[in-house]
C-alpha atoms as a PDB file:
ATOM      1  CA  GLN A   1       0.378 -19.310  -2.124  1.00  0.00           C
ATOM      2  CA  VAL A   2      -0.369 -15.913  -2.365  1.00  0.00           C
ATOM      3  CA  GLN A   3       1.465 -13.799  -4.781  1.00  0.00           C
ATOM      4  CA  LEU A   4       1.734  -9.591  -4.404  1.00  0.00           C
ATOM      5  CA  GLY A   5       2.642  -7.548  -7.011  1.00  0.00           C
ATOM      6  CA  GLU A   6       2.764  -3.890  -6.498  1.00  0.00           C
ATOM      7  CA  SER A   7       3.057  -1.208  -8.947  1.00  0.00           C
ATOM      8  CA  GLY A   8       2.869   2.585 -10.180  1.00  0.00           C
ATOM      9  CA  GLY A   9       5.704   4.204  -7.976  1.00  0.00           C
ATOM     10  CA  GLY A  10       7.662   6.412  -9.165  1.00  0.00           C
ATOM     11  CA  LEU A  11       9.166   9.824  -8.831  1.00  0.00           C
ATOM     12  CA  VAL A  12       6.522  13.130  -7.937  1.00  0.00           C
ATOM     13  CA  GLN A  13       7.302  16.460  -7.039  1.00  0.00           C
ATOM     14  CA  ALA A  14       5.838  17.541  -3.194  1.00  0.00           C
ATOM     15  CA  GLY A  15       2.322  18.369  -3.145  1.00  0.00           C
ATOM     16  CA  GLY A  16       1.786  15.747  -6.383  1.00  0.00           C
ATOM     17  CA  SER A  17      -0.237  12.759  -6.465  1.00  0.00           C
ATOM     18  CA  LEU A  18       0.574   9.198  -6.989  1.00  0.00           C
ATOM     19  CA  ARG A  19      -1.370   5.717  -7.095  1.00  0.00           C
ATOM     20  CA  LEU A  20       0.014   2.575  -6.204  1.00  0.00           C
ATOM     21  CA  SER A  21      -1.775  -0.614  -7.224  1.00  0.00           C
ATOM     22  CA  CYS A  22      -1.086  -4.059  -5.770  1.00  0.00           C
ATOM     23  CA  ALA A  23      -2.402  -7.265  -7.517  1.00  0.00           C
ATOM     24  CA  ALA A  24      -2.538 -10.421  -5.727  1.00  0.00           C
ATOM     25  CA  SER A  25      -3.153 -13.934  -7.079  1.00  0.00           C
ATOM     26  CA  GLY A  26      -3.230 -17.473  -5.296  1.00  0.00           C
ATOM     27  CA  GLY A  27      -6.404 -16.840  -3.148  1.00  0.00           C
ATOM     28  CA  MET A  28      -9.477 -15.866  -2.514  1.00  0.00           C
ATOM     29  CA  PHE A  29      -8.729 -12.317  -2.338  1.00  0.00           C
ATOM     30  CA  SER A  30     -11.911 -11.145  -1.562  1.00  0.00           C
ATOM     31  CA  THR A  31     -11.864 -12.505   1.485  1.00  0.00           C
ATOM     32  CA  LEU A  32      -8.390 -11.488   2.555  1.00  0.00           C
ATOM     33  CA  ALA A  33      -8.058  -8.248   4.411  1.00  0.00           C
ATOM     34  CA  MET A  34      -5.057  -6.154   2.948  1.00  0.00           C
ATOM     35  CA  GLY A  35      -2.544  -3.481   3.842  1.00  0.00           C
ATOM     36  CA  TRP A  36       0.418  -1.405   2.898  1.00  0.00           C
ATOM     37  CA  PHE A  37       3.498  -1.003   4.678  1.00  0.00           C
ATOM     38  CA  ARG A  38       7.055   1.001   3.654  1.00  0.00           C
ATOM     39  CA  GLN A  39      10.306   1.709   4.390  1.00  0.00           C
ATOM     40  CA  ALA A  40      11.914   4.737   3.877  1.00  0.00           C
ATOM     41  CA  PRO A  41      16.723   4.122   3.899  1.00  0.00           C
ATOM     42  CA  GLY A  42      17.560   3.829   7.630  1.00  0.00           C
ATOM     43  CA  LYS A  43      14.292   3.742   8.793  1.00  0.00           C
ATOM     44  CA  GLU A  44      12.174   0.941  10.501  1.00  0.00           C
ATOM     45  CA  ARG A  45       9.382  -0.441   7.785  1.00  0.00           C
ATOM     46  CA  GLU A  46       6.090   1.604   8.884  1.00  0.00           C
ATOM     47  CA  PHE A  47       2.305   1.220   8.860  1.00  0.00           C
ATOM     48  CA  VAL A  48       0.773   3.140   5.919  1.00  0.00           C
ATOM     49  CA  GLY A  49      -3.252   1.749   6.182  1.00  0.00           C
ATOM     50  CA  GLY A  50      -5.143  -1.238   6.205  1.00  0.00           C
ATOM     51  CA  ILE A  51      -8.814  -2.155   4.721  1.00  0.00           C
ATOM     52  CA  THR A  52     -10.834  -4.946   5.450  1.00  0.00           C
ATOM     53  CA  ARG A  53     -11.805  -8.082   2.810  1.00  0.00           C
ATOM     54  CA  GLY A  54     -15.005  -5.796   2.440  1.00  0.00           C
ATOM     55  CA  SER A  55     -14.041  -2.510   2.389  1.00  0.00           C
ATOM     56  CA  ILE A  56     -16.112  -1.841   5.342  1.00  0.00           C
ATOM     57  CA  ASN A  57     -13.187  -0.764   7.502  1.00  0.00           C
ATOM     58  CA  THR A  58     -10.082   1.392   6.610  1.00  0.00           C
ATOM     59  CA  ARG A  59      -7.206   2.909   9.287  1.00  0.00           C
ATOM     60  CA  TYR A  60      -4.217   4.947   8.512  1.00  0.00           C
ATOM     61  CA  GLY A  61      -1.136   5.548  10.322  1.00  0.00           C
ATOM     62  CA  ASP A  62      -0.602   8.730  11.964  1.00  0.00           C
ATOM     63  CA  SER A  63       2.087  10.188   9.259  1.00  0.00           C
ATOM     64  CA  VAL A  64      -0.326   9.939   6.725  1.00  0.00           C
ATOM     65  CA  LYS A  65      -4.090   9.949   8.273  1.00  0.00           C
ATOM     66  CA  GLY A  66      -6.160  12.453   5.578  1.00  0.00           C
ATOM     67  CA  ARG A  67      -3.846  12.243   2.680  1.00  0.00           C
ATOM     68  CA  PHE A  68      -3.839   8.966   1.847  1.00  0.00           C
ATOM     69  CA  THR A  69      -6.247   6.592   0.895  1.00  0.00           C
ATOM     70  CA  ILE A  70      -6.814   2.932   0.139  1.00  0.00           C
ATOM     71  CA  ALA A  71      -9.282   1.114  -1.740  1.00  0.00           C
ATOM     72  CA  ARG A  72     -10.073  -2.461  -3.304  1.00  0.00           C
ATOM     73  CA  ASP A  73     -11.437  -3.987  -6.559  1.00  0.00           C
ATOM     74  CA  ASN A  74     -12.344  -7.706  -5.665  1.00  0.00           C
ATOM     75  CA  ALA A  75     -13.050  -8.018  -9.302  1.00  0.00           C
ATOM     76  CA  ARG A  76      -9.642  -7.205 -10.177  1.00  0.00           C
ATOM     77  CA  ASN A  77      -7.862  -8.435  -7.141  1.00  0.00           C
ATOM     78  CA  THR A  78      -6.270  -5.360  -6.857  1.00  0.00           C
ATOM     79  CA  VAL A  79      -5.754  -2.693  -3.551  1.00  0.00           C
ATOM     80  CA  TYR A  80      -5.081   0.411  -3.956  1.00  0.00           C
ATOM     81  CA  LEU A  81      -3.155   3.602  -1.847  1.00  0.00           C
ATOM     82  CA  GLN A  82      -4.063   6.807  -3.148  1.00  0.00           C
ATOM     83  CA  MET A  83      -1.672   9.127  -2.239  1.00  0.00           C
ATOM     84  CA  ASN A  84      -2.283  13.349  -2.422  1.00  0.00           C
ATOM     85  CA  SER A  85      -0.608  15.626  -0.901  1.00  0.00           C
ATOM     86  CA  LEU A  86       2.894  13.653  -1.116  1.00  0.00           C
ATOM     87  CA  LYS A  87       6.142  15.332   0.752  1.00  0.00           C
ATOM     88  CA  PRO A  88      10.084  14.095   0.678  1.00  0.00           C
ATOM     89  CA  GLU A  89       9.415  12.496   4.205  1.00  0.00           C
ATOM     90  CA  ASP A  90       6.679   9.804   2.089  1.00  0.00           C
ATOM     91  CA  THR A  91       9.844   8.846  -0.058  1.00  0.00           C
ATOM     92  CA  ALA A  92      10.499   4.992   0.801  1.00  0.00           C
ATOM     93  CA  VAL A  93       9.346   1.951  -0.633  1.00  0.00           C
ATOM     94  CA  TYR A  94       6.298   0.583  -0.348  1.00  0.00           C
ATOM     95  CA  TYR A  95       4.903  -3.179   0.010  1.00  0.00           C
ATOM     96  CA  CYS A  96       1.591  -4.542   0.253  1.00  0.00           C
ATOM     97  CA  ILE A  97       0.681  -7.606   2.313  1.00  0.00           C
ATOM     98  CA  THR A  98      -1.791  -9.949   3.441  1.00  0.00           C
ATOM     99  CA  ASP A  99      -2.240 -12.396   6.228  1.00  0.00           C
ATOM    100  CA  VAL A 100      -2.981 -15.611   5.133  1.00  0.00           C
ATOM    101  CA  ALA A 101      -3.332 -18.512   7.878  1.00  0.00           C
ATOM    102  CA  GLY A 102      -0.816 -17.160  10.269  1.00  0.00           C
ATOM    103  CA  ARG A 103       1.494 -16.309   7.725  1.00  0.00           C
ATOM    104  CA  ARG A 104       2.204 -12.323   6.288  1.00  0.00           C
ATOM    105  CA  TYR A 105       2.840 -12.222   2.406  1.00  0.00           C
ATOM    106  CA  TRP A 106       4.863  -9.195   1.304  1.00  0.00           C
ATOM    107  CA  GLY A 107       4.797  -8.039  -2.423  1.00  0.00           C
ATOM    108  CA  GLN A 108       8.222  -7.258  -3.543  1.00  0.00           C
ATOM    109  CA  GLY A 109       7.544  -3.165  -2.984  1.00  0.00           C
ATOM    110  CA  THR A 110       7.690  -0.184  -5.662  1.00  0.00           C
ATOM    111  CA  GLN A 111       9.788   2.938  -4.709  1.00  0.00           C
ATOM    112  CA  VAL A 112       8.062   6.492  -4.075  1.00  0.00           C
ATOM    113  CA  THR A 113      10.334   9.205  -4.198  1.00  0.00           C
ATOM    114  CA  VAL A 114       9.145  12.678  -3.640  1.00  0.00           C
ATOM    115  CA  SER A 115      11.680  15.698  -4.426  1.00  0.00           C
ATOM    116  CA  SER A 116      11.669  18.861  -2.379  1.00  0.00           C
END
């Protein structure tokens, strides 16, 4: 059973930065691809980005390309989401995810609020 826990959310002004963290337990973290999604009020869940297990490849949703960066530290069982040049439309609950044996695991989410 994989468990994921996000942290680092908060309130920030437009143009600012935040770094989210997601700590994983219960699985072989270094073997897992990891991803981030977000969900704003009244909107569908949106793919933010993902990183392969060896950090060889990353990919991002169109709305965050060039502003957000995903990285991982396998020694700390943690994946990070560095968010720069934040916009009010980035306001959402951010979730990290991973897929194991055909099942998707979600963290509890962390709220990010960007004020204009």
